[in-house]
Amino acid sequence: MADFNPFAPHTRARTIDPETSHDAAESVAEKISEKQRAVLDVLSNASYGLTDEEISFALNDMTHSTLRTRRSELAQKGLVFDSRMRRATRSGRMAIVWMV
């Protein structure tokens, strides 16, 4: 069974959100860097959120340090948030699951 994903590709608002949310998402999307957009796109298409490690796997051309910095900037802008869920990394440590 496929996961329900309310995010249309390359958007920052859910398909079920009101038009004003789509307008706001579009205006913000124009003010983020290419690398921030890449992180946001990956998270937008992950219905159960992703850890930094999982985002890093999806964006294998971006260093982990760069990824964390771009994700942190998106969090400061209110575009991604800590879901309060945690998932184990490859090392077994628990990591924040980030969501849009």
C-alpha atoms as a PDB file:
ATOM      1  CA  MET A   1       0.000   0.000   0.000  1.00  0.00           C
ATOM      2  CA  ALA A   2       1.400   3.394  -0.977  1.00  0.00           C
ATOM      3  CA  ASP A   3       1.931   6.052   1.687  1.00  0.00           C
ATOM      4  CA  PHE A   4      -0.475   8.976   1.586  1.00  0.00           C
ATOM      5  CA  ASN A   5       1.521  12.045   0.690  1.00  0.00           C
ATOM      6  CA  PRO A   6      -0.467  15.294   0.809  1.00  0.00           C
ATOM      7  CA  PHE A   7       2.413  17.252  -0.728  1.00  0.00           C
ATOM      8  CA  ALA A   8       2.479  17.826  -4.443  1.00  0.00           C
ATOM      9  CA  PRO A   9       6.007  17.590  -5.891  1.00  0.00           C
ATOM     10  CA  HIS A  10       8.097  20.768  -5.482  1.00  0.00           C
ATOM     11  CA  THR A  11       5.527  22.577  -3.347  1.00  0.00           C
ATOM     12  CA  ARG A  12       5.717  23.810   0.242  1.00  0.00           C
ATOM     13  CA  ALA A  13       2.026  23.470   1.069  1.00  0.00           C
ATOM     14  CA  ARG A  14      -0.179  20.427   1.268  1.00  0.00           C
ATOM     15  CA  THR A  15      -2.740  19.913  -1.472  1.00  0.00           C
ATOM     16  CA  ILE A  16      -5.459  20.164   1.192  1.00  0.00           C
ATOM     17  CA  ASP A  17      -4.252  23.544   2.503  1.00  0.00           C
ATOM     18  CA  PRO A  18      -6.170  26.751   1.696  1.00  0.00           C
ATOM     19  CA  GLU A  19      -5.085  28.961  -1.187  1.00  0.00           C
ATOM     20  CA  THR A  20      -3.468  31.458   1.197  1.00  0.00           C
ATOM     21  CA  SER A  21      -1.090  28.727   2.392  1.00  0.00           C
ATOM     22  CA  HIS A  22      -0.083  27.997  -1.183  1.00  0.00           C
ATOM     23  CA  ASP A  23       0.492  31.710  -1.828  1.00  0.00           C
ATOM     24  CA  ALA A  24       2.646  31.995   1.301  1.00  0.00           C
ATOM     25  CA  ALA A  25       4.591  28.841   0.440  1.00  0.00           C
ATOM     26  CA  GLU A  26       5.279  30.125  -3.044  1.00  0.00           C
ATOM     27  CA  SER A  27       6.588  33.468  -1.765  1.00  0.00           C
ATOM     28  CA  VAL A  28       8.869  31.746   0.757  1.00  0.00           C
ATOM     29  CA  ALA A  29      10.080  29.228  -1.809  1.00  0.00           C
ATOM     30  CA  GLU A  30      11.452  32.102  -3.868  1.00  0.00           C
ATOM     31  CA  LYS A  31      13.601  33.230  -0.905  1.00  0.00           C
ATOM     32  CA  ILE A  32      15.493  30.030  -0.197  1.00  0.00           C
ATOM     33  CA  SER A  33      18.765  28.792  -1.640  1.00  0.00           C
ATOM     34  CA  GLU A  34      19.094  25.920  -4.091  1.00  0.00           C
ATOM     35  CA  LYS A  35      20.489  23.645  -1.356  1.00  0.00           C
ATOM     36  CA  GLN A  36      17.731  24.621   1.075  1.00  0.00           C
ATOM     37  CA  ARG A  37      15.199  23.872  -1.669  1.00  0.00           C
ATOM     38  CA  ALA A  38      16.757  20.427  -2.220  1.00  0.00           C
ATOM     39  CA  VAL A  39      16.405  19.583   1.493  1.00  0.00           C
ATOM     40  CA  LEU A  40      12.864  20.944   1.568  1.00  0.00           C
ATOM     41  CA  ASP A  41      11.878  18.949  -1.537  1.00  0.00           C
ATOM     42  CA  VAL A  42      13.141  15.707   0.001  1.00  0.00           C
ATOM     43  CA  LEU A  43      11.257  16.377   3.241  1.00  0.00           C
ATOM     44  CA  SER A  44       8.121  17.445   1.376  1.00  0.00           C
ATOM     45  CA  ASN A  45       7.980  14.033  -0.263  1.00  0.00           C
ATOM     46  CA  ALA A  46       8.513  12.044   2.948  1.00  0.00           C
ATOM     47  CA  SER A  47       5.138  11.512   4.575  1.00  0.00           C
ATOM     48  CA  TYR A  48       6.697  10.100   7.767  1.00  0.00           C
ATOM     49  CA  GLY A  49       9.509  12.636   7.981  1.00  0.00           C
ATOM     50  CA  LEU A  50      13.243  11.994   7.810  1.00  0.00           C
ATOM     51  CA  THR A  51      16.262  12.139  10.072  1.00  0.00           C
ATOM     52  CA  ASP A  52      19.330  14.111   8.980  1.00  0.00           C
ATOM     53  CA  GLU A  53      20.986  10.794   8.109  1.00  0.00           C
ATOM     54  CA  GLU A  54      18.038   9.783   5.907  1.00  0.00           C
ATOM     55  CA  ILE A  55      18.040  13.195   4.197  1.00  0.00           C
ATOM     56  CA  SER A  56      21.766  12.766   3.636  1.00  0.00           C
ATOM     57  CA  PHE A  57      21.175   9.400   1.916  1.00  0.00           C
ATOM     58  CA  ALA A  58      18.568  11.007  -0.345  1.00  0.00           C
ATOM     59  CA  LEU A  59      20.912  13.900  -1.187  1.00  0.00           C
ATOM     60  CA  ASN A  60      24.127  11.965  -1.622  1.00  0.00           C
ATOM     61  CA  ASP A  61      25.797  14.901  -3.389  1.00  0.00           C
ATOM     62  CA  MET A  62      25.495  17.134  -0.285  1.00  0.00           C
ATOM     63  CA  THR A  63      27.845  16.749   2.686  1.00  0.00           C
ATOM     64  CA  HIS A  64      26.275  15.930   6.024  1.00  0.00           C
ATOM     65  CA  SER A  65      27.569  19.206   7.468  1.00  0.00           C
ATOM     66  CA  THR A  66      26.041  21.261   4.645  1.00  0.00           C
ATOM     67  CA  LEU A  67      22.782  19.356   4.965  1.00  0.00           C
ATOM     68  CA  ARG A  68      22.526  20.023   8.717  1.00  0.00           C
ATOM     69  CA  THR A  69      23.228  23.713   8.162  1.00  0.00           C
ATOM     70  CA  ARG A  70      20.599  24.053   5.397  1.00  0.00           C
ATOM     71  CA  ARG A  71      18.031  22.067   7.433  1.00  0.00           C
ATOM     72  CA  SER A  72      18.747  24.247  10.466  1.00  0.00           C
ATOM     73  CA  GLU A  73      18.182  27.384   8.367  1.00  0.00           C
ATOM     74  CA  LEU A  74      14.865  25.958   7.143  1.00  0.00           C
ATOM     75  CA  ALA A  75      13.857  25.247  10.741  1.00  0.00           C
ATOM     76  CA  GLN A  76      14.707  28.837  11.718  1.00  0.00           C
ATOM     77  CA  LYS A  77      12.460  30.029   8.884  1.00  0.00           C
ATOM     78  CA  GLY A  78       9.658  27.801  10.160  1.00  0.00           C
ATOM     79  CA  LEU A  79       9.635  25.656   7.014  1.00  0.00           C
ATOM     80  CA  VAL A  80      10.604  22.388   8.730  1.00  0.00           C
ATOM     81  CA  PHE A  81      10.026  21.263  12.305  1.00  0.00           C
ATOM     82  CA  ASP A  82      11.017  18.657  14.868  1.00  0.00           C
ATOM     83  CA  SER A  83       8.180  16.123  14.748  1.00  0.00           C
ATOM     84  CA  ARG A  84       8.986  15.037  18.335  1.00  0.00           C
ATOM     85  CA  MET A  85       9.495  11.545  16.933  1.00  0.00           C
ATOM     86  CA  ARG A  86      12.880   9.850  17.056  1.00  0.00           C
ATOM     87  CA  ARG A  87      14.304   7.109  14.859  1.00  0.00           C
ATOM     88  CA  ALA A  88      17.485   5.073  15.186  1.00  0.00           C
ATOM     89  CA  THR A  89      20.419   5.922  12.950  1.00  0.00           C
ATOM     90  CA  ARG A  90      22.831   3.334  11.519  1.00  0.00           C
ATOM     91  CA  SER A  91      24.909   3.703  14.690  1.00  0.00           C
ATOM     92  CA  GLY A  92      21.865   2.933  16.837  1.00  0.00           C
ATOM     93  CA  ARG A  93      21.574   6.438  18.275  1.00  0.00           C
ATOM     94  CA  MET A  94      18.200   8.133  18.245  1.00  0.00           C
ATOM     95  CA  ALA A  95      17.806  11.102  15.902  1.00  0.00           C
ATOM     96  CA  ILE A  96      15.176  13.797  15.383  1.00  0.00           C
ATOM     97  CA  VAL A  97      12.644  13.097  12.648  1.00  0.00           C
ATOM     98  CA  TRP A  98      12.144  16.337  10.674  1.00  0.00           C
ATOM     99  CA  MET A  99       8.920  17.185   8.846  1.00  0.00           C
ATOM    100  CA  VAL A 100       7.489  19.956   6.696  1.00  0.00           C
END
